Amino acid sequence: MKAAVLDEYGKPLLIKDVEMSGNDNDVLVKVKASGMCGRDLVIWKGGFRNLKLPLILGHEIFGELNDKPVGVFGTVVCNNCIYCKKGKENLCENSVFFGEGRPGGYAEAVYAPRDSVFPLPDEDYEKYAAAVCPLATSIHAARLANVRKDTVVLVTGAGGGVGIHMIQFLKSLGAYVISVTSDEKKERVGKFSDAIVTEKEFSKKVKGVDVVMELVGSETINESLRSLSRDGTLILIGNVNGREISLKRPALTIMRQQKIIGSASYTRKEVLEAVDLIHNRKIVPIYKRYELVNVNNAIKDLSKGRVLGRAILIP
C-alpha cells in the first residue's frame, strides 16, 4: 500500500509502496481520511527523540472496516495498568500511539487492534478527521479546568486545528471566550468568539481571565500567565515548537496562586462524545483537504500558519 514515510526529521516525507502486517488481533482498516495533528508536526521536526525512524505518522484515522464506517482510537492502551482500570486510559503507562510505536494513518490502510476500532454513525469521514481529536482534547481540558457557564476563557492558537474547534465547544458550555490568533486569521476566528485579539496585543488588552487554554506553549505562556486572574488555571495542552518552557516571572504565578495543569489528550469516552457532537452538528468542522501525495504541501502550510483549522489527508 502507499504511505507517506518520514525517513529523516525535518525533511519531506516520501511517498512509497510499503508492506505492512498486523498481529493476530489486528484488523485492516481502509483509510478514508486522516487528520494532521500538531503532535505530528512536533515529531516531524524531531521533537520526540526517543522515536525510531522510519515512521508513518498519523493517529487521527477514519475509514472502512468490512465496508462499514469506523474510527480508530489514536492510542493502543494496555487496559491493565492502574490508570486504565480507573477509566483514565489517556494516562496509560503502556500506551502506544499510532504514527509513533506503530504505523499510522498517512497511508492507504492501517492495521489496528480490533478493540481500538469503533463505529461511526455516518460516512462523512472528512468532518471526523478534522474535528474528533480537537473536540475530544477540548472536552478533556474543559473538565480539568471546570469550565462552566460564564467562565472567562482565553484560548491561544485559536486559529489552529484544536483552537477553532475548542472555542466552539467552550461557547456551547456557556463560557465567555477570548481568542488569540494571528492577524491573518483574526476575522475568521472572530466569528466563533466573544472577543478576539492578536498574538501581539493580548497581554496588554486582556486581564483577569479565569482559565487559559494554552495551545501554543513556550511562545505565549508567559503572556498567558499575565492575563490570568488570581487563583486562575492555565491548562497546558500544547507546545508547538518543542522548545523548553521557562517562566519569566515565576513570582507572579506564585503570588497569584495560579495553577498550571497539563492536559494529556483524552479518554475513549471523550472521543465518542466528540463523534456525537459532530454527527449532531453541534460543532462546525473547519479544515483544509490535501491528497496524500501532497502531504509535504500540507506540512509546509501548517508550519507557516496558512491553514485555518485542521489539515486532513485523503489517500
Protein backbone atom coordinates (compact mmCIF):
# COMPACT_ATOMS: atom_id res chain seq x y z
CA MET A 1 0.00 0.00 0.00
CA LYS A 2 1.08 3.61 -0.47
CA ALA A 3 2.18 5.63 2.54
CA ALA A 4 3.92 8.90 3.33
CA VAL A 5 7.11 7.90 5.15
CA LEU A 6 9.25 10.05 7.47
CA ASP A 7 12.84 8.90 6.87
CA GLU A 8 14.63 11.98 8.23
CA TYR A 9 13.49 14.64 10.68
CA GLY A 10 12.65 17.97 9.12
CA LYS A 11 12.83 16.60 5.58
CA PRO A 12 10.00 15.95 3.10
CA LEU A 13 8.01 12.77 3.63
CA LEU A 14 8.48 10.21 0.86
CA ILE A 15 5.53 8.57 -0.87
CA LYS A 16 6.40 4.88 -1.03
CA ASP A 17 4.87 1.48 -1.57
CA VAL A 18 5.25 -0.26 1.78
CA GLU A 19 4.45 -3.71 3.09
CA MET A 20 2.53 -3.93 6.35
CA SER A 21 1.49 -6.80 8.53
CA GLY A 22 -0.69 -6.99 11.60
CA ASN A 23 -0.85 -9.02 14.77
CA ASP A 24 -3.30 -11.85 15.39
CA ASN A 25 -5.82 -9.46 16.96
CA ASP A 26 -5.44 -6.76 14.30
CA VAL A 27 -7.88 -5.80 11.57
CA LEU A 28 -7.11 -3.87 8.39
CA VAL A 29 -8.85 -0.51 8.15
CA LYS A 30 -9.04 1.19 4.76
CA VAL A 31 -8.17 4.84 5.43
CA LYS A 32 -10.61 7.38 4.03
CA ALA A 33 -9.34 10.46 5.87
CA SER A 34 -6.62 11.18 8.41
CA GLY A 35 -6.20 14.33 10.46
CA MET A 36 -2.84 16.06 10.79
CA CYS A 37 -2.26 16.83 14.46
CA GLY A 38 0.15 19.40 15.88
CA ARG A 39 1.84 16.45 17.57
CA ASP A 40 2.69 15.15 14.09
CA LEU A 41 4.50 18.40 13.30
CA VAL A 42 6.48 18.19 16.53
CA ILE A 43 7.52 14.65 15.58
CA TRP A 44 8.41 15.75 12.04
CA LYS A 45 10.65 18.49 13.48
CA GLY A 46 12.43 15.96 15.70
CA GLY A 47 10.79 16.88 18.99
CA PHE A 48 10.43 13.25 20.17
CA ARG A 49 13.97 11.91 20.07
CA ASN A 50 13.06 8.53 21.54
CA LEU A 51 11.25 7.52 18.34
CA LYS A 52 12.88 5.33 15.73
CA LEU A 53 12.75 6.21 12.05
CA PRO A 54 11.29 5.49 9.57
CA LEU A 55 7.77 6.41 10.69
CA ILE A 56 4.32 6.58 9.12
CA LEU A 57 2.68 9.40 11.05
CA GLY A 58 -0.98 9.96 11.91
CA HIS A 59 -3.15 8.99 14.89
CA GLU A 60 -6.46 10.56 13.70
CA ILE A 61 -7.68 7.75 11.48
CA PHE A 62 -11.12 7.25 9.91
CA GLY A 63 -12.14 4.79 7.24
CA GLU A 64 -13.82 1.48 6.49
CA LEU A 65 -13.78 -1.97 8.01
CA ASN A 66 -15.80 -4.57 6.14
CA ASP A 67 -17.39 -1.71 4.14
CA LYS A 68 -18.69 -0.04 7.30
CA PRO A 69 -17.57 3.40 8.55
CA VAL A 70 -15.25 3.31 11.53
CA GLY A 71 -12.78 5.38 13.50
CA VAL A 72 -9.59 4.24 15.20
CA PHE A 73 -8.68 5.34 18.72
CA GLY A 74 -5.38 7.19 18.45
CA THR A 75 -3.55 5.09 21.03
CA VAL A 76 -3.40 1.41 21.84
CA VAL A 77 -3.73 1.02 25.61
CA CYS A 78 -2.98 -1.90 27.92
CA ASN A 79 -6.29 -1.97 29.87
CA ASN A 80 -4.31 -3.39 32.82
CA CYS A 81 -2.41 -0.54 34.48
CA ILE A 82 -3.87 1.42 37.41
CA TYR A 83 -4.88 4.31 35.13
CA CYS A 84 -6.69 2.15 32.59
CA LYS A 85 -8.59 0.46 35.41
CA LYS A 86 -9.70 3.89 36.67
CA GLY A 87 -11.04 4.87 33.26
CA LYS A 88 -8.08 7.21 32.71
CA GLU A 89 -6.56 5.36 29.78
CA ASN A 90 -5.22 8.67 28.45
CA LEU A 91 -2.59 8.19 31.21
CA CYS A 92 -1.92 4.53 30.37
CA GLU A 93 1.59 3.54 31.43
CA ASN A 94 1.99 1.33 28.36
CA SER A 95 0.16 3.28 25.66
CA VAL A 96 1.40 3.24 22.07
CA PHE A 97 0.45 5.99 19.65
CA PHE A 98 -0.37 5.28 16.05
CA GLY A 99 2.24 7.11 14.00
CA GLU A 100 4.88 6.51 16.66
CA GLY A 101 5.02 3.00 18.08
CA ARG A 102 3.10 1.53 15.16
CA PRO A 103 2.31 2.72 11.59
CA GLY A 104 -0.28 5.50 11.42
CA GLY A 105 -2.87 6.95 9.11
CA TYR A 106 -0.71 8.72 6.50
CA ALA A 107 -1.36 5.70 4.31
CA GLU A 108 -3.98 3.90 2.26
CA ALA A 109 -4.69 1.45 5.10
CA VAL A 110 -3.66 0.73 8.67
CA TYR A 111 -3.64 -2.31 10.92
CA ALA A 112 -5.31 -1.72 14.29
CA PRO A 113 -6.29 -3.92 17.24
CA ARG A 114 -9.92 -4.89 16.96
CA ASP A 115 -10.79 -3.20 20.27
CA SER A 116 -9.23 0.07 19.04
CA VAL A 117 -11.82 0.38 16.26
CA PHE A 118 -15.21 1.98 16.86
CA PRO A 119 -18.24 2.50 14.59
CA LEU A 120 -19.09 5.86 13.04
CA PRO A 121 -22.72 6.98 12.65
CA ASP A 122 -22.20 8.08 9.04
CA GLU A 123 -19.65 8.12 6.21
CA ASP A 124 -18.62 11.78 6.30
CA TYR A 125 -15.04 10.82 7.13
CA GLU A 126 -13.54 14.23 6.46
CA LYS A 127 -15.50 16.01 9.18
CA TYR A 128 -14.48 13.41 11.77
CA ALA A 129 -10.82 13.57 10.70
CA ALA A 130 -10.99 17.35 11.07
CA ALA A 131 -12.70 17.62 14.43
CA VAL A 132 -12.77 14.47 16.60
CA CYS A 133 -9.27 14.80 18.07
CA PRO A 134 -9.58 18.58 18.62
CA LEU A 135 -13.01 18.19 20.22
CA ALA A 136 -12.01 15.31 22.48
CA THR A 137 -8.99 17.37 23.53
CA SER A 138 -11.32 20.28 24.29
CA ILE A 139 -13.75 18.16 26.29
CA HIS A 140 -10.93 16.78 28.43
CA ALA A 141 -9.28 20.17 29.01
CA ALA A 142 -12.59 21.87 29.86
CA ARG A 143 -13.26 19.25 32.53
CA LEU A 144 -9.81 19.69 34.04
CA ALA A 145 -10.46 23.44 34.26
CA ASN A 146 -14.05 23.02 35.49
CA VAL A 147 -15.35 25.37 32.78
CA ARG A 148 -18.95 26.41 33.41
CA LYS A 149 -21.44 28.98 32.18
CA ASP A 150 -19.90 32.48 32.28
CA THR A 151 -16.35 31.20 32.88
CA VAL A 152 -13.99 33.61 31.09
CA VAL A 153 -11.60 31.54 28.98
CA LEU A 154 -8.62 32.68 26.92
CA VAL A 155 -7.60 30.36 24.06
CA THR A 156 -4.18 30.81 22.44
CA GLY A 157 -3.57 29.49 18.93
CA ALA A 158 -7.29 29.78 18.31
CA GLY A 159 -7.00 29.54 14.54
CA GLY A 160 -5.34 26.13 14.60
CA GLY A 161 -6.87 22.69 14.40
CA VAL A 162 -7.59 22.37 18.12
CA GLY A 163 -8.26 26.07 18.71
CA ILE A 164 -11.01 26.67 16.13
CA HIS A 165 -12.98 23.68 17.43
CA MET A 166 -12.21 24.35 21.09
CA ILE A 167 -13.70 27.84 21.01
CA GLN A 168 -16.90 26.40 19.55
CA PHE A 169 -17.08 23.77 22.29
CA LEU A 170 -16.40 26.28 25.06
CA LYS A 171 -19.15 28.51 23.71
CA SER A 172 -21.53 25.53 23.80
CA LEU A 173 -20.82 25.31 27.56
CA GLY A 174 -21.79 28.95 28.01
CA ALA A 175 -18.25 30.23 28.58
CA TYR A 176 -17.13 33.71 27.53
CA VAL A 177 -14.34 33.02 25.05
CA ILE A 178 -11.45 35.33 24.18
CA SER A 179 -9.49 34.04 21.21
CA VAL A 180 -5.86 34.80 20.44
CA THR A 181 -4.74 34.34 16.85
CA SER A 182 -2.69 35.85 14.04
CA ASP A 183 -3.62 39.00 12.13
CA GLU A 184 -4.36 36.86 9.06
CA LYS A 185 -6.91 34.67 10.87
CA LYS A 186 -8.42 37.31 13.15
CA GLU A 187 -11.58 37.99 11.14
CA ARG A 188 -12.47 34.34 10.53
CA VAL A 189 -11.74 33.20 14.09
CA GLY A 190 -13.66 36.17 15.48
CA LYS A 191 -16.90 34.77 14.06
CA PHE A 192 -16.79 31.99 16.66
CA SER A 193 -15.57 34.07 19.64
CA ASP A 194 -16.91 36.64 22.11
CA ALA A 195 -13.69 38.66 21.77
CA ILE A 196 -10.67 38.42 19.53
CA VAL A 197 -7.12 39.74 19.95
CA THR A 198 -3.90 39.21 18.04
CA GLU A 199 -0.83 37.45 19.38
CA LYS A 200 0.98 40.78 19.64
CA GLU A 201 -1.60 42.56 21.77
CA PHE A 202 -3.35 40.14 24.12
CA SER A 203 -1.05 40.58 27.14
CA LYS A 204 -1.78 44.32 27.10
CA LYS A 205 -5.51 44.13 26.36
CA VAL A 206 -6.64 41.06 28.33
CA LYS A 207 -6.57 40.80 32.12
CA GLY A 208 -8.22 38.70 34.81
CA VAL A 209 -9.40 35.66 32.83
CA ASP A 210 -10.49 32.60 34.81
CA VAL A 211 -8.92 29.98 32.56
CA VAL A 212 -6.27 29.89 29.85
CA MET A 213 -6.25 27.08 27.30
CA GLU A 214 -2.58 27.19 26.32
CA LEU A 215 -2.30 25.55 22.91
CA VAL A 216 0.90 27.24 21.74
CA GLY A 217 3.28 26.71 24.65
CA SER A 218 6.65 28.39 25.05
CA GLU A 219 5.92 31.30 22.72
CA THR A 220 2.82 32.54 24.58
CA ILE A 221 2.72 31.01 28.05
CA ASN A 222 4.24 34.00 29.85
CA GLU A 223 1.79 36.41 28.25
CA SER A 224 -1.00 33.99 29.11
CA LEU A 225 0.00 33.96 32.78
CA ARG A 226 -0.02 37.76 32.85
CA SER A 227 -3.61 37.64 31.55
CA LEU A 228 -4.69 35.05 34.13
CA SER A 229 -6.50 36.06 37.32
CA ARG A 230 -5.53 35.32 40.89
CA ASP A 231 -6.33 31.68 41.65
CA GLY A 232 -6.81 31.15 37.90
CA THR A 233 -5.99 27.98 35.99
CA LEU A 234 -3.80 27.53 32.93
CA ILE A 235 -4.30 24.26 31.08
CA LEU A 236 -1.13 23.38 29.19
CA ILE A 237 -2.23 21.43 26.13
CA GLY A 238 0.44 22.00 23.51
CA ASN A 239 3.98 23.23 22.91
CA VAL A 240 4.08 23.56 19.16
CA ASN A 241 7.73 24.42 18.62
CA GLY A 242 9.02 21.85 21.11
CA ARG A 243 11.26 24.38 22.87
CA GLU A 244 11.85 24.46 26.61
CA ILE A 245 9.20 26.34 28.55
CA SER A 246 10.51 28.75 31.18
CA LEU A 247 8.61 31.20 33.37
CA LYS A 248 9.97 34.74 33.08
CA ARG A 249 8.17 35.90 36.23
CA PRO A 250 7.63 32.87 38.49
CA ALA A 251 6.82 35.22 41.39
CA LEU A 252 3.71 36.33 39.51
CA THR A 253 2.39 32.77 39.37
CA ILE A 254 3.35 32.14 43.00
CA MET A 255 1.82 35.31 44.41
CA ARG A 256 -1.33 34.99 42.32
CA GLN A 257 -1.66 31.32 43.31
CA GLN A 258 -2.12 30.33 39.71
CA LYS A 259 -2.47 26.67 38.77
CA ILE A 260 -0.73 25.14 35.74
CA ILE A 261 -2.24 21.77 34.79
CA GLY A 262 -1.07 19.52 32.00
CA SER A 263 -3.78 18.01 29.80
CA ALA A 264 -2.95 14.57 28.43
CA SER A 265 -5.04 14.08 25.28
CA TYR A 266 -8.41 12.41 26.11
CA THR A 267 -10.20 9.21 27.04
CA ARG A 268 -12.03 6.90 24.68
CA LYS A 269 -15.32 8.01 26.18
CA GLU A 270 -14.45 11.59 25.26
CA VAL A 271 -13.69 10.52 21.69
CA LEU A 272 -17.19 9.06 21.40
CA GLU A 273 -18.66 12.25 22.89
CA ALA A 274 -16.83 14.23 20.19
CA VAL A 275 -18.20 11.95 17.45
CA ASP A 276 -21.72 12.53 18.76
CA LEU A 277 -21.28 16.33 18.80
CA ILE A 278 -20.07 16.31 15.20
CA HIS A 279 -22.74 13.93 13.97
CA ASN A 280 -25.45 16.07 15.56
CA ARG A 281 -23.98 19.23 14.00
CA LYS A 282 -23.28 20.90 17.33
CA ILE A 283 -19.79 21.78 16.05
CA VAL A 284 -18.75 23.02 12.60
CA PRO A 285 -15.64 21.16 11.38
CA ILE A 286 -13.12 23.61 9.88
CA TYR A 287 -10.41 22.11 7.68
CA LYS A 288 -8.39 22.11 4.50
CA ARG A 289 -8.20 18.96 2.41
CA TYR A 290 -4.98 17.57 0.89
CA GLU A 291 -4.33 14.47 -1.18
CA LEU A 292 -1.85 12.08 0.46
CA VAL A 293 0.65 12.67 -2.34
CA ASN A 294 0.63 16.38 -1.41
CA VAL A 295 1.39 15.77 2.28
CA ASN A 296 4.50 17.94 2.15
CA ASN A 297 2.45 20.90 0.94
CA ALA A 298 0.22 20.38 3.97
CA ILE A 299 3.22 20.29 6.32
CA LYS A 300 4.57 23.49 4.78
CA ASP A 301 1.23 25.27 5.04
CA LEU A 302 0.74 24.15 8.64
CA SER A 303 4.26 25.20 9.60
CA LYS A 304 3.65 28.68 8.19
CA GLY A 305 0.22 29.04 9.81
CA ARG A 306 -1.65 29.09 6.50
CA VAL A 307 -4.33 26.57 7.48
CA LEU A 308 -7.45 27.66 9.34
CA GLY A 309 -8.48 24.68 11.45
CA ARG A 310 -7.28 21.17 10.67
CA ALA A 311 -5.40 19.85 7.66
CA ILE A 312 -6.63 16.42 6.60
CA LEU A 313 -5.18 13.86 4.23
CA ILE A 314 -7.18 11.84 1.69
CA PRO A 315 -5.46 8.73 0.21
